[in-house]
Amino acid sequence: MSDGTDGRVGRITRSAVNFGDHGRAEYHEAPHASAADGTTAELLEAVHTLRDHLRLLTATDDTAGLDGELAVVQGEIERTGRADPARLGRLRMRLETAAAAVAGLASTAAVVQVIAQLAG
């Protein structure tokens, strides 16, 4: 600060900042889903499709809970380019809980298959 007082910066996100005469600012961001490996991209597409199909069903607590978990996985992949294995485990449990409500949706099977591929 030009007046010699101490300055404080709270939080800076998605920015590059340089301090000092010879400082260097670099900006690095986690890869988006488009940069993710093929299986993760496939999961993102399957999650998106299942969420679209869920809107066709009569809403229940099970379908709402499943949609919420799908939204979290979708957001995580879009932000970081991957889905946390623990998060996929919770999604798998949600799918099992909502199995009766979503059994007729082919998109449910696609999500389960991709999760199994990622789980190894």
PDB file of N, CA and C in Angstrom:
ATOM      1  N   MET A   1       0.844  -1.167   0.000  1.00  0.00           N
ATOM      2  CA  MET A   1       0.000   0.000   0.000  1.00  0.00           C
ATOM      3  C   MET A   1       0.895   1.237   0.000  1.00  0.00           C
ATOM      4  N   SER A   2       0.543   2.202  -0.730  1.00  0.00           N
ATOM      5  CA  SER A   2       1.412   3.357  -0.933  1.00  0.00           C
ATOM      6  C   SER A   2       1.572   4.242   0.299  1.00  0.00           C
ATOM      7  N   ASP A   3       0.639   4.202   1.238  1.00  0.00           N
ATOM      8  CA  ASP A   3       0.758   5.069   2.401  1.00  0.00           C
ATOM      9  C   ASP A   3       1.545   4.433   3.541  1.00  0.00           C
ATOM     10  N   GLY A   4       2.115   3.245   3.334  1.00  0.00           N
ATOM     11  CA  GLY A   4       2.942   2.583   4.336  1.00  0.00           C
ATOM     12  C   GLY A   4       2.160   1.787   5.356  1.00  0.00           C
ATOM     13  N   THR A   5       0.850   1.749   5.257  1.00  0.00           N
ATOM     14  CA  THR A   5       0.064   0.971   6.207  1.00  0.00           C
ATOM     15  C   THR A   5       0.037  -0.479   5.763  1.00  0.00           C
ATOM     16  N   ASP A   6      -0.190  -1.339   6.736  1.00  0.00           N
ATOM     17  CA  ASP A   6      -0.298  -2.761   6.414  1.00  0.00           C
ATOM     18  C   ASP A   6      -1.604  -3.005   5.676  1.00  0.00           C
ATOM     19  N   GLY A   7      -1.538  -3.867   4.694  1.00  0.00           N
ATOM     20  CA  GLY A   7      -2.734  -4.230   3.949  1.00  0.00           C
ATOM     21  C   GLY A   7      -3.086  -5.680   4.222  1.00  0.00           C
ATOM     22  N   ARG A   8      -4.310  -6.027   4.028  1.00  0.00           N
ATOM     23  CA  ARG A   8      -4.744  -7.404   4.235  1.00  0.00           C
ATOM     24  C   ARG A   8      -5.616  -7.802   3.065  1.00  0.00           C
ATOM     25  N   VAL A   9      -5.324  -8.975   2.527  1.00  0.00           N
ATOM     26  CA  VAL A   9      -6.144  -9.540   1.468  1.00  0.00           C
ATOM     27  C   VAL A   9      -6.822 -10.747   2.055  1.00  0.00           C
ATOM     28  N   GLY A  10      -8.126 -10.780   1.975  1.00  0.00           N
ATOM     29  CA  GLY A  10      -8.885 -11.900   2.517  1.00  0.00           C
ATOM     30  C   GLY A  10      -8.700 -13.148   1.675  1.00  0.00           C
ATOM     31  N   ARG A  11      -9.527 -13.329   0.721  1.00  0.00           N
ATOM     32  CA  ARG A  11      -9.505 -14.541  -0.105  1.00  0.00           C
ATOM     33  C   ARG A  11      -9.514 -14.133  -1.574  1.00  0.00           C
ATOM     34  N   ILE A  12      -8.660 -14.775  -2.333  1.00  0.00           N
ATOM     35  CA  ILE A  12      -8.612 -14.541  -3.764  1.00  0.00           C
ATOM     36  C   ILE A  12      -8.847 -15.883  -4.445  1.00  0.00           C
ATOM     37  N   THR A  13      -9.789 -15.921  -5.357  1.00  0.00           N
ATOM     38  CA  THR A  13     -10.048 -17.164  -6.079  1.00  0.00           C
ATOM     39  C   THR A  13     -10.039 -16.889  -7.575  1.00  0.00           C
ATOM     40  N   ARG A  14      -9.632 -17.911  -8.325  1.00  0.00           N
ATOM     41  CA  ARG A  14      -9.623 -17.875  -9.790  1.00  0.00           C
ATOM     42  C   ARG A  14      -8.910 -16.629 -10.327  1.00  0.00           C
ATOM     43  N   SER A  15      -7.772 -16.313  -9.727  1.00  0.00           N
ATOM     44  CA  SER A  15      -7.013 -15.131 -10.134  1.00  0.00           C
ATOM     45  C   SER A  15      -5.528 -15.403 -10.002  1.00  0.00           C
ATOM     46  N   ALA A  16      -4.747 -14.606 -10.699  1.00  0.00           N
ATOM     47  CA  ALA A  16      -3.302 -14.630 -10.549  1.00  0.00           C
ATOM     48  C   ALA A  16      -2.902 -13.297  -9.924  1.00  0.00           C
ATOM     49  N   VAL A  17      -2.069 -13.349  -8.883  1.00  0.00           N
ATOM     50  CA  VAL A  17      -1.687 -12.145  -8.165  1.00  0.00           C
ATOM     51  C   VAL A  17      -0.178 -12.111  -8.044  1.00  0.00           C
ATOM     52  N   ASN A  18       0.386 -10.931  -8.176  1.00  0.00           N
ATOM     53  CA  ASN A  18       1.827 -10.752  -8.090  1.00  0.00           C
ATOM     54  C   ASN A  18       2.137  -9.724  -7.004  1.00  0.00           C
ATOM     55  N   PHE A  19       3.073 -10.055  -6.107  1.00  0.00           N
ATOM     56  CA  PHE A  19       3.516  -9.127  -5.076  1.00  0.00           C
ATOM     57  C   PHE A  19       5.019  -8.934  -5.216  1.00  0.00           C
ATOM     58  N   GLY A  20       5.478  -7.730  -5.106  1.00  0.00           N
ATOM     59  CA  GLY A  20       6.908  -7.463  -5.113  1.00  0.00           C
ATOM     60  C   GLY A  20       7.430  -7.113  -6.494  1.00  0.00           C
ATOM     61  N   ASP A  21       8.640  -6.571  -6.489  1.00  0.00           N
ATOM     62  CA  ASP A  21       9.266  -6.112  -7.730  1.00  0.00           C
ATOM     63  C   ASP A  21       9.544  -7.235  -8.717  1.00  0.00           C
ATOM     64  N   HIS A  22       9.952  -8.384  -8.207  1.00  0.00           N
ATOM     65  CA  HIS A  22      10.339  -9.485  -9.091  1.00  0.00           C
ATOM     66  C   HIS A  22       9.394 -10.677  -8.960  1.00  0.00           C
ATOM     67  N   GLY A  23       8.202 -10.416  -8.490  1.00  0.00           N
ATOM     68  CA  GLY A  23       7.221 -11.487  -8.320  1.00  0.00           C
ATOM     69  C   GLY A  23       6.731 -12.006  -9.655  1.00  0.00           C
ATOM     70  N   ARG A  24       6.147 -13.162  -9.614  1.00  0.00           N
ATOM     71  CA  ARG A  24       5.638 -13.790 -10.835  1.00  0.00           C
ATOM     72  C   ARG A  24       4.264 -14.374 -10.535  1.00  0.00           C
ATOM     73  N   ALA A  25       3.288 -14.051 -11.321  1.00  0.00           N
ATOM     74  CA  ALA A  25       1.932 -14.545 -11.117  1.00  0.00           C
ATOM     75  C   ALA A  25       1.634 -15.652 -12.123  1.00  0.00           C
ATOM     76  N   GLU A  26       1.163 -16.766 -11.613  1.00  0.00           N
ATOM     77  CA  GLU A  26       0.752 -17.876 -12.473  1.00  0.00           C
ATOM     78  C   GLU A  26      -0.646 -18.306 -12.063  1.00  0.00           C
ATOM     79  N   TYR A  27      -1.419 -18.716 -13.015  1.00  0.00           N
ATOM     80  CA  TYR A  27      -2.780 -19.169 -12.751  1.00  0.00           C
ATOM     81  C   TYR A  27      -2.935 -20.584 -13.284  1.00  0.00           C
ATOM     82  N   HIS A  28      -3.325 -21.480 -12.408  1.00  0.00           N
ATOM     83  CA  HIS A  28      -3.572 -22.876 -12.788  1.00  0.00           C
ATOM     84  C   HIS A  28      -4.957 -23.249 -12.290  1.00  0.00           C
ATOM     85  N   GLU A  29      -5.692 -23.926 -13.117  1.00  0.00           N
ATOM     86  CA  GLU A  29      -7.039 -24.334 -12.747  1.00  0.00           C
ATOM     87  C   GLU A  29      -7.187 -25.826 -12.982  1.00  0.00           C
ATOM     88  N   ALA A  30      -7.977 -26.468 -12.136  1.00  0.00           N
ATOM     89  CA  ALA A  30      -8.233 -27.903 -12.306  1.00  0.00           C
ATOM     90  C   ALA A  30      -8.875 -28.137 -13.671  1.00  0.00           C
ATOM     91  N   PRO A  31      -8.581 -29.273 -14.287  1.00  0.00           N
ATOM     92  CA  PRO A  31      -9.165 -29.540 -15.599  1.00  0.00           C
ATOM     93  C   PRO A  31     -10.673 -29.692 -15.514  1.00  0.00           C
ATOM     94  N   HIS A  32     -11.344 -29.223 -16.527  1.00  0.00           N
ATOM     95  CA  HIS A  32     -12.786 -29.392 -16.604  1.00  0.00           C
ATOM     96  C   HIS A  32     -13.097 -30.791 -17.108  1.00  0.00           C
ATOM     97  N   ALA A  33     -14.364 -31.144 -17.039  1.00  0.00           N
ATOM     98  CA  ALA A  33     -14.776 -32.487 -17.429  1.00  0.00           C
ATOM     99  C   ALA A  33     -14.346 -32.824 -18.858  1.00  0.00           C
ATOM    100  N   SER A  34     -14.265 -31.829 -19.726  1.00  0.00           N
ATOM    101  CA  SER A  34     -13.866 -32.108 -21.096  1.00  0.00           C
ATOM    102  C   SER A  34     -12.432 -32.622 -21.163  1.00  0.00           C
ATOM    103  N   ALA A  35     -11.626 -32.285 -20.157  1.00  0.00           N
ATOM    104  CA  ALA A  35     -10.247 -32.758 -20.115  1.00  0.00           C
ATOM    105  C   ALA A  35     -10.128 -34.055 -19.322  1.00  0.00           C
ATOM    106  N   ALA A  36     -11.213 -34.515 -18.752  1.00  0.00           N
ATOM    107  CA  ALA A  36     -11.196 -35.734 -17.938  1.00  0.00           C
ATOM    108  C   ALA A  36     -11.002 -36.951 -18.830  1.00  0.00           C
ATOM    109  N   ASP A  37     -10.635 -38.048 -18.177  1.00  0.00           N
ATOM    110  CA  ASP A  37     -10.482 -39.268 -18.955  1.00  0.00           C
ATOM    111  C   ASP A  37     -11.837 -39.703 -19.521  1.00  0.00           C
ATOM    112  N   GLY A  38     -11.800 -40.604 -20.474  1.00  0.00           N
ATOM    113  CA  GLY A  38     -13.012 -41.020 -21.177  1.00  0.00           C
ATOM    114  C   GLY A  38     -14.089 -41.593 -20.278  1.00  0.00           C
ATOM    115  N   THR A  39     -13.708 -42.376 -19.276  1.00  0.00           N
ATOM    116  CA  THR A  39     -14.701 -42.989 -18.401  1.00  0.00           C
ATOM    117  C   THR A  39     -15.402 -41.937 -17.555  1.00  0.00           C
ATOM    118  N   THR A  40     -14.657 -40.949 -17.078  1.00  0.00           N
ATOM    119  CA  THR A  40     -15.274 -39.889 -16.289  1.00  0.00           C
ATOM    120  C   THR A  40     -16.193 -39.051 -17.160  1.00  0.00           C
ATOM    121  N   ALA A  41     -15.793 -38.780 -18.389  1.00  0.00           N
ATOM    122  CA  ALA A  41     -16.661 -38.050 -19.313  1.00  0.00           C
ATOM    123  C   ALA A  41     -17.934 -38.850 -19.592  1.00  0.00           C
ATOM    124  N   GLU A  42     -17.779 -40.155 -19.691  1.00  0.00           N
ATOM    125  CA  GLU A  42     -18.941 -41.031 -19.895  1.00  0.00           C
ATOM    126  C   GLU A  42     -19.866 -40.979 -18.681  1.00  0.00           C
ATOM    127  N   LEU A  43     -19.282 -40.967 -17.479  1.00  0.00           N
ATOM    128  CA  LEU A  43     -20.084 -40.867 -16.265  1.00  0.00           C
ATOM    129  C   LEU A  43     -20.837 -39.542 -16.238  1.00  0.00           C
ATOM    130  N   LEU A  44     -20.167 -38.459 -16.586  1.00  0.00           N
ATOM    131  CA  LEU A  44     -20.817 -37.155 -16.588  1.00  0.00           C
ATOM    132  C   LEU A  44     -22.023 -37.156 -17.524  1.00  0.00           C
ATOM    133  N   GLU A  45     -21.856 -37.722 -18.707  1.00  0.00           N
ATOM    134  CA  GLU A  45     -22.968 -37.794 -19.663  1.00  0.00           C
ATOM    135  C   GLU A  45     -24.105 -38.661 -19.123  1.00  0.00           C
ATOM    136  N   ALA A  46     -23.758 -39.800 -18.511  1.00  0.00           N
ATOM    137  CA  ALA A  46     -24.786 -40.696 -17.964  1.00  0.00           C
ATOM    138  C   ALA A  46     -25.527 -40.035 -16.800  1.00  0.00           C
ATOM    139  N   VAL A  47     -24.812 -39.321 -15.961  1.00  0.00           N
ATOM    140  CA  VAL A  47     -25.435 -38.613 -14.838  1.00  0.00           C
ATOM    141  C   VAL A  47     -26.387 -37.543 -15.365  1.00  0.00           C
ATOM    142  N   HIS A  48     -25.943 -36.789 -16.352  1.00  0.00           N
ATOM    143  CA  HIS A  48     -26.779 -35.739 -16.940  1.00  0.00           C
ATOM    144  C   HIS A  48     -28.058 -36.346 -17.519  1.00  0.00           C
ATOM    145  N   THR A  49     -27.925 -37.444 -18.241  1.00  0.00           N
ATOM    146  CA  THR A  49     -29.090 -38.104 -18.849  1.00  0.00           C
ATOM    147  C   THR A  49     -30.049 -38.612 -17.784  1.00  0.00           C
ATOM    148  N   LEU A  50     -29.516 -39.258 -16.741  1.00  0.00           N
ATOM    149  CA  LEU A  50     -30.378 -39.772 -15.680  1.00  0.00           C
ATOM    150  C   LEU A  50     -31.107 -38.630 -14.979  1.00  0.00           C
ATOM    151  N   ARG A  51     -30.440 -37.528 -14.749  1.00  0.00           N
ATOM    152  CA  ARG A  51     -31.108 -36.385 -14.117  1.00  0.00           C
ATOM    153  C   ARG A  51     -32.253 -35.881 -14.995  1.00  0.00           C
ATOM    154  N   ASP A  52     -32.029 -35.836 -16.304  1.00  0.00           N
ATOM    155  CA  ASP A  52     -33.110 -35.437 -17.216  1.00  0.00           C
ATOM    156  C   ASP A  52     -34.276 -36.414 -17.140  1.00  0.00           C
ATOM    157  N   HIS A  53     -33.980 -37.695 -17.098  1.00  0.00           N
ATOM    158  CA  HIS A  53     -35.022 -38.719 -17.054  1.00  0.00           C
ATOM    159  C   HIS A  53     -35.767 -38.709 -15.723  1.00  0.00           C
ATOM    160  N   LEU A  54     -35.089 -38.395 -14.645  1.00  0.00           N
ATOM    161  CA  LEU A  54     -35.757 -38.337 -13.336  1.00  0.00           C
ATOM    162  C   LEU A  54     -36.883 -37.304 -13.329  1.00  0.00           C
ATOM    163  N   ARG A  55     -36.731 -36.262 -14.089  1.00  0.00           N
ATOM    164  CA  ARG A  55     -37.761 -35.213 -14.141  1.00  0.00           C
ATOM    165  C   ARG A  55     -39.069 -35.722 -14.754  1.00  0.00           C
ATOM    166  N   LEU A  56     -38.996 -36.857 -15.458  1.00  0.00           N
ATOM    167  CA  LEU A  56     -40.190 -37.435 -16.067  1.00  0.00           C
ATOM    168  C   LEU A  56     -41.014 -38.254 -15.075  1.00  0.00           C
ATOM    169  N   LEU A  57     -40.396 -38.604 -13.948  1.00  0.00           N
ATOM    170  CA  LEU A  57     -41.066 -39.424 -12.943  1.00  0.00           C
ATOM    171  C   LEU A  57     -41.784 -38.561 -11.916  1.00  0.00           C
ATOM    172  N   THR A  58     -42.748 -39.157 -11.250  1.00  0.00           N
ATOM    173  CA  THR A  58     -43.380 -38.490 -10.120  1.00  0.00           C
ATOM    174  C   THR A  58     -42.342 -38.389  -9.008  1.00  0.00           C
ATOM    175  N   ALA A  59     -42.164 -37.208  -8.493  1.00  0.00           N
ATOM    176  CA  ALA A  59     -41.137 -36.985  -7.470  1.00  0.00           C
ATOM    177  C   ALA A  59     -41.488 -37.708  -6.169  1.00  0.00           C
ATOM    178  N   THR A  60     -40.492 -38.375  -5.614  1.00  0.00           N
ATOM    179  CA  THR A  60     -40.605 -39.017  -4.304  1.00  0.00           C
ATOM    180  C   THR A  60     -39.368 -38.619  -3.501  1.00  0.00           C
ATOM    181  N   ASP A  61     -39.339 -38.988  -2.233  1.00  0.00           N
ATOM    182  CA  ASP A  61     -38.148 -38.724  -1.428  1.00  0.00           C
ATOM    183  C   ASP A  61     -36.937 -39.421  -2.030  1.00  0.00           C
ATOM    184  N   ASP A  62     -37.135 -40.649  -2.526  1.00  0.00           N
ATOM    185  CA  ASP A  62     -36.027 -41.408  -3.113  1.00  0.00           C
ATOM    186  C   ASP A  62     -35.493 -40.739  -4.385  1.00  0.00           C
ATOM    187  N   THR A  63     -36.393 -40.318  -5.262  1.00  0.00           N
ATOM    188  CA  THR A  63     -35.921 -39.697  -6.505  1.00  0.00           C
ATOM    189  C   THR A  63     -35.297 -38.327  -6.233  1.00  0.00           C
ATOM    190  N   ALA A  64     -35.832 -37.593  -5.259  1.00  0.00           N
ATOM    191  CA  ALA A  64     -35.254 -36.293  -4.905  1.00  0.00           C
ATOM    192  C   ALA A  64     -33.861 -36.474  -4.311  1.00  0.00           C
ATOM    193  N   GLY A  65     -33.697 -37.472  -3.437  1.00  0.00           N
ATOM    194  CA  GLY A  65     -32.384 -37.750  -2.851  1.00  0.00           C
ATOM    195  C   GLY A  65     -31.379 -38.176  -3.902  1.00  0.00           C
ATOM    196  N   LEU A  66     -31.838 -39.005  -4.834  1.00  0.00           N
ATOM    197  CA  LEU A  66     -30.964 -39.451  -5.922  1.00  0.00           C
ATOM    198  C   LEU A  66     -30.565 -38.273  -6.797  1.00  0.00           C
ATOM    199  N   ASP A  67     -31.517 -37.423  -7.152  1.00  0.00           N
ATOM    200  CA  ASP A  67     -31.199 -36.266  -7.980  1.00  0.00           C
ATOM    201  C   ASP A  67     -30.203 -35.346  -7.271  1.00  0.00           C
ATOM    202  N   GLY A  68     -30.356 -35.187  -5.974  1.00  0.00           N
ATOM    203  CA  GLY A  68     -29.414 -34.362  -5.219  1.00  0.00           C
ATOM    204  C   GLY A  68     -28.010 -34.920  -5.265  1.00  0.00           C
ATOM    205  N   GLU A  69     -27.883 -36.227  -5.090  1.00  0.00           N
ATOM    206  CA  GLU A  69     -26.559 -36.855  -5.138  1.00  0.00           C
ATOM    207  C   GLU A  69     -25.973 -36.784  -6.551  1.00  0.00           C
ATOM    208  N   LEU A  70     -26.811 -36.984  -7.552  1.00  0.00           N
ATOM    209  CA  LEU A  70     -26.359 -36.860  -8.937  1.00  0.00           C
ATOM    210  C   LEU A  70     -25.864 -35.438  -9.216  1.00  0.00           C
ATOM    211  N   ALA A  71     -26.567 -34.447  -8.683  1.00  0.00           N
ATOM    212  CA  ALA A  71     -26.172 -33.044  -8.890  1.00  0.00           C
ATOM    213  C   ALA A  71     -24.801 -32.772  -8.279  1.00  0.00           C
ATOM    214  N   VAL A  72     -24.549 -33.348  -7.110  1.00  0.00           N
ATOM    215  CA  VAL A  72     -23.249 -33.148  -6.458  1.00  0.00           C
ATOM    216  C   VAL A  72     -22.136 -33.789  -7.290  1.00  0.00           C
ATOM    217  N   VAL A  73     -22.364 -35.018  -7.764  1.00  0.00           N
ATOM    218  CA  VAL A  73     -21.365 -35.695  -8.598  1.00  0.00           C
ATOM    219  C   VAL A  73     -21.136 -34.912  -9.890  1.00  0.00           C
ATOM    220  N   GLN A  74     -22.211 -34.470 -10.520  1.00  0.00           N
ATOM    221  CA  GLN A  74     -22.097 -33.695 -11.755  1.00  0.00           C
ATOM    222  C   GLN A  74     -21.274 -32.428 -11.510  1.00  0.00           C
ATOM    223  N   GLY A  75     -21.581 -31.702 -10.458  1.00  0.00           N
ATOM    224  CA  GLY A  75     -20.849 -30.483 -10.152  1.00  0.00           C
ATOM    225  C   GLY A  75     -19.379 -30.739  -9.866  1.00  0.00           C
ATOM    226  N   GLU A  76     -19.104 -31.828  -9.144  1.00  0.00           N
ATOM    227  CA  GLU A  76     -17.716 -32.169  -8.825  1.00  0.00           C
ATOM    228  C   GLU A  76     -16.915 -32.476 -10.096  1.00  0.00           C
ATOM    229  N   ILE A  77     -17.505 -33.237 -10.999  1.00  0.00           N
ATOM    230  CA  ILE A  77     -16.814 -33.566 -12.253  1.00  0.00           C
ATOM    231  C   ILE A  77     -16.614 -32.298 -13.085  1.00  0.00           C
ATOM    232  N   GLU A  78     -17.615 -31.458 -13.143  1.00  0.00           N
ATOM    233  CA  GLU A  78     -17.499 -30.231 -13.936  1.00  0.00           C
ATOM    234  C   GLU A  78     -16.442 -29.282 -13.362  1.00  0.00           C
ATOM    235  N   ARG A  79     -16.296 -29.267 -12.035  1.00  0.00           N
ATOM    236  CA  ARG A  79     -15.302 -28.399 -11.397  1.00  0.00           C
ATOM    237  C   ARG A  79     -13.898 -28.959 -11.452  1.00  0.00           C
ATOM    238  N   THR A  80     -13.750 -30.266 -11.192  1.00  0.00           N
ATOM    239  CA  THR A  80     -12.418 -30.840 -10.998  1.00  0.00           C
ATOM    240  C   THR A  80     -11.995 -31.821 -12.081  1.00  0.00           C
ATOM    241  N   GLY A  81     -12.935 -32.276 -12.910  1.00  0.00           N
ATOM    242  CA  GLY A  81     -12.600 -33.250 -13.932  1.00  0.00           C
ATOM    243  C   GLY A  81     -12.628 -34.683 -13.450  1.00  0.00           C
ATOM    244  N   ARG A  82     -13.062 -34.893 -12.203  1.00  0.00           N
ATOM    245  CA  ARG A  82     -13.149 -36.251 -11.663  1.00  0.00           C
ATOM    246  C   ARG A  82     -14.195 -36.306 -10.565  1.00  0.00           C
ATOM    247  N   ALA A  83     -14.565 -37.528 -10.205  1.00  0.00           N
ATOM    248  CA  ALA A  83     -15.497 -37.744  -9.103  1.00  0.00           C
ATOM    249  C   ALA A  83     -14.772 -38.509  -8.010  1.00  0.00           C
ATOM    250  N   ASP A  84     -14.908 -38.048  -6.800  1.00  0.00           N
ATOM    251  CA  ASP A  84     -14.282 -38.693  -5.658  1.00  0.00           C
ATOM    252  C   ASP A  84     -14.854 -40.111  -5.493  1.00  0.00           C
ATOM    253  N   PRO A  85     -14.001 -41.119  -5.279  1.00  0.00           N
ATOM    254  CA  PRO A  85     -14.496 -42.493  -5.116  1.00  0.00           C
ATOM    255  C   PRO A  85     -15.511 -42.644  -3.979  1.00  0.00           C
ATOM    256  N   ALA A  86     -15.320 -41.923  -2.882  1.00  0.00           N
ATOM    257  CA  ALA A  86     -16.287 -41.997  -1.776  1.00  0.00           C
ATOM    258  C   ALA A  86     -17.636 -41.436  -2.218  1.00  0.00           C
ATOM    259  N   ARG A  87     -17.609 -40.378  -3.005  1.00  0.00           N
ATOM    260  CA  ARG A  87     -18.846 -39.783  -3.523  1.00  0.00           C
ATOM    261  C   ARG A  87     -19.552 -40.779  -4.438  1.00  0.00           C
ATOM    262  N   LEU A  88     -18.783 -41.507  -5.258  1.00  0.00           N
ATOM    263  CA  LEU A  88     -19.390 -42.518  -6.131  1.00  0.00           C
ATOM    264  C   LEU A  88     -20.006 -43.641  -5.316  1.00  0.00           C
ATOM    265  N   GLY A  89     -19.386 -43.976  -4.208  1.00  0.00           N
ATOM    266  CA  GLY A  89     -19.959 -44.991  -3.313  1.00  0.00           C
ATOM    267  C   GLY A  89     -21.304 -44.537  -2.763  1.00  0.00           C
ATOM    268  N   ARG A  90     -21.396 -43.272  -2.366  1.00  0.00           N
ATOM    269  CA  ARG A  90     -22.670 -42.736  -1.864  1.00  0.00           C
ATOM    270  C   ARG A  90     -23.711 -42.710  -2.975  1.00  0.00           C
ATOM    271  N   LEU A  91     -23.278 -42.371  -4.194  1.00  0.00           N
ATOM    272  CA  LEU A  91     -24.206 -42.382  -5.316  1.00  0.00           C
ATOM    273  C   LEU A  91     -24.722 -43.792  -5.573  1.00  0.00           C
ATOM    274  N   ARG A  92     -23.832 -44.762  -5.507  1.00  0.00           N
ATOM    275  CA  ARG A  92     -24.242 -46.156  -5.712  1.00  0.00           C
ATOM    276  C   ARG A  92     -25.280 -46.569  -4.667  1.00  0.00           C
ATOM    277  N   MET A  93     -25.071 -46.153  -3.419  1.00  0.00           N
ATOM    278  CA  MET A  93     -26.045 -46.474  -2.355  1.00  0.00           C
ATOM    279  C   MET A  93     -27.383 -45.791  -2.634  1.00  0.00           C
ATOM    280  N   ARG A  94     -27.347 -44.530  -3.094  1.00  0.00           N
ATOM    281  CA  ARG A  94     -28.584 -43.823  -3.440  1.00  0.00           C
ATOM    282  C   ARG A  94     -29.318 -44.534  -4.565  1.00  0.00           C
ATOM    283  N   LEU A  95     -28.565 -45.021  -5.539  1.00  0.00           N
ATOM    284  CA  LEU A  95     -29.175 -45.749  -6.650  1.00  0.00           C
ATOM    285  C   LEU A  95     -29.857 -47.019  -6.148  1.00  0.00           C
ATOM    286  N   GLU A  96     -29.236 -47.694  -5.204  1.00  0.00           N
ATOM    287  CA  GLU A  96     -29.839 -48.907  -4.632  1.00  0.00           C
ATOM    288  C   GLU A  96     -31.102 -48.570  -3.859  1.00  0.00           C
ATOM    289  N   THR A  97     -31.070 -47.468  -3.108  1.00  0.00           N
ATOM    290  CA  THR A  97     -32.231 -47.046  -2.324  1.00  0.00           C
ATOM    291  C   THR A  97     -33.402 -46.688  -3.237  1.00  0.00           C
ATOM    292  N   ALA A  98     -33.106 -46.036  -4.340  1.00  0.00           N
ATOM    293  CA  ALA A  98     -34.152 -45.582  -5.261  1.00  0.00           C
ATOM    294  C   ALA A  98     -34.431 -46.584  -6.369  1.00  0.00           C
ATOM    295  N   ALA A  99     -33.908 -47.789  -6.260  1.00  0.00           N
ATOM    296  CA  ALA A  99     -33.990 -48.774  -7.343  1.00  0.00           C
ATOM    297  C   ALA A  99     -35.420 -49.009  -7.820  1.00  0.00           C
ATOM    298  N   ALA A 100     -36.355 -49.150  -6.910  1.00  0.00           N
ATOM    299  CA  ALA A 100     -37.728 -49.427  -7.318  1.00  0.00           C
ATOM    300  C   ALA A 100     -38.315 -48.256  -8.115  1.00  0.00           C
ATOM    301  N   ALA A 101     -37.987 -47.043  -7.720  1.00  0.00           N
ATOM    302  CA  ALA A 101     -38.543 -45.866  -8.383  1.00  0.00           C
ATOM    303  C   ALA A 101     -37.945 -45.642  -9.765  1.00  0.00           C
ATOM    304  N   VAL A 102     -36.682 -46.022  -9.958  1.00  0.00           N
ATOM    305  CA  VAL A 102     -35.997 -45.713 -11.218  1.00  0.00           C
ATOM    306  C   VAL A 102     -35.669 -46.946 -12.047  1.00  0.00           C
ATOM    307  N   ALA A 103     -36.194 -48.078 -11.660  1.00  0.00           N
ATOM    308  CA  ALA A 103     -35.852 -49.343 -12.329  1.00  0.00           C
ATOM    309  C   ALA A 103     -36.167 -49.323 -13.827  1.00  0.00           C
ATOM    310  N   GLY A 104     -37.187 -48.612 -14.232  1.00  0.00           N
ATOM    311  CA  GLY A 104     -37.582 -48.600 -15.640  1.00  0.00           C
ATOM    312  C   GLY A 104     -36.751 -47.676 -16.507  1.00  0.00           C
ATOM    313  N   LEU A 105     -35.847 -46.930 -15.924  1.00  0.00           N
ATOM    314  CA  LEU A 105     -35.037 -45.990 -16.696  1.00  0.00           C
ATOM    315  C   LEU A 105     -33.739 -46.654 -17.132  1.00  0.00           C
ATOM    316  N   ALA A 106     -33.540 -46.767 -18.423  1.00  0.00           N
ATOM    317  CA  ALA A 106     -32.300 -47.353 -18.942  1.00  0.00           C
ATOM    318  C   ALA A 106     -31.089 -46.527 -18.516  1.00  0.00           C
ATOM    319  N   SER A 107     -31.286 -45.236 -18.315  1.00  0.00           N
ATOM    320  CA  SER A 107     -30.172 -44.374 -17.925  1.00  0.00           C
ATOM    321  C   SER A 107     -29.634 -44.738 -16.544  1.00  0.00           C
ATOM    322  N   THR A 108     -30.444 -45.361 -15.715  1.00  0.00           N
ATOM    323  CA  THR A 108     -29.971 -45.803 -14.403  1.00  0.00           C
ATOM    324  C   THR A 108     -28.895 -46.858 -14.584  1.00  0.00           C
ATOM    325  N   ALA A 109     -29.130 -47.812 -15.456  1.00  0.00           N
ATOM    326  CA  ALA A 109     -28.147 -48.869 -15.697  1.00  0.00           C
ATOM    327  C   ALA A 109     -26.838 -48.302 -16.220  1.00  0.00           C
ATOM    328  N   ALA A 110     -26.916 -47.285 -17.054  1.00  0.00           N
ATOM    329  CA  ALA A 110     -25.698 -46.684 -17.609  1.00  0.00           C
ATOM    330  C   ALA A 110     -24.836 -46.072 -16.510  1.00  0.00           C
ATOM    331  N   VAL A 111     -25.467 -45.381 -15.563  1.00  0.00           N
ATOM    332  CA  VAL A 111     -24.714 -44.780 -14.450  1.00  0.00           C
ATOM    333  C   VAL A 111     -24.084 -45.882 -13.603  1.00  0.00           C
ATOM    334  N   VAL A 112     -24.835 -46.923 -13.301  1.00  0.00           N
ATOM    335  CA  VAL A 112     -24.302 -48.027 -12.487  1.00  0.00           C
ATOM    336  C   VAL A 112     -23.125 -48.685 -13.185  1.00  0.00           C
ATOM    337  N   GLN A 113     -23.206 -48.894 -14.485  1.00  0.00           N
ATOM    338  CA  GLN A 113     -22.119 -49.524 -15.232  1.00  0.00           C
ATOM    339  C   GLN A 113     -20.838 -48.681 -15.221  1.00  0.00           C
ATOM    340  N   VAL A 114     -20.969 -47.381 -15.384  1.00  0.00           N
ATOM    341  CA  VAL A 114     -19.785 -46.518 -15.397  1.00  0.00           C
ATOM    342  C   VAL A 114     -19.166 -46.431 -14.012  1.00  0.00           C
ATOM    343  N   ILE A 115     -19.994 -46.379 -12.978  1.00  0.00           N
ATOM    344  CA  ILE A 115     -19.466 -46.378 -11.605  1.00  0.00           C
ATOM    345  C   ILE A 115     -18.669 -47.653 -11.374  1.00  0.00           C
ATOM    346  N   ALA A 116     -19.177 -48.780 -11.847  1.00  0.00           N
ATOM    347  CA  ALA A 116     -18.454 -50.051 -11.684  1.00  0.00           C
ATOM    348  C   ALA A 116     -17.120 -50.011 -12.416  1.00  0.00           C
ATOM    349  N   GLN A 117     -17.062 -49.405 -13.578  1.00  0.00           N
ATOM    350  CA  GLN A 117     -15.799 -49.275 -14.314  1.00  0.00           C
ATOM    351  C   GLN A 117     -14.796 -48.424 -13.541  1.00  0.00           C
ATOM    352  N   LEU A 118     -15.267 -47.330 -12.977  1.00  0.00           N
ATOM    353  CA  LEU A 118     -14.382 -46.438 -12.244  1.00  0.00           C
ATOM    354  C   LEU A 118     -13.920 -47.068 -10.928  1.00  0.00           C
ATOM    355  N   ALA A 119     -14.789 -47.869 -10.312  1.00  0.00           N
ATOM    356  CA  ALA A 119     -14.435 -48.511  -9.051  1.00  0.00           C
ATOM    357  C   ALA A 119     -13.427 -49.638  -9.258  1.00  0.00           C
ATOM    358  N   GLY A 120     -13.366 -50.143 -10.485  1.00  0.00           N
ATOM    359  CA  GLY A 120     -12.402 -51.177 -10.830  1.00  0.00           C
ATOM    360  C   GLY A 120     -12.846 -52.473 -10.382  1.00  0.00           C
TER     361      GLY A 120
END
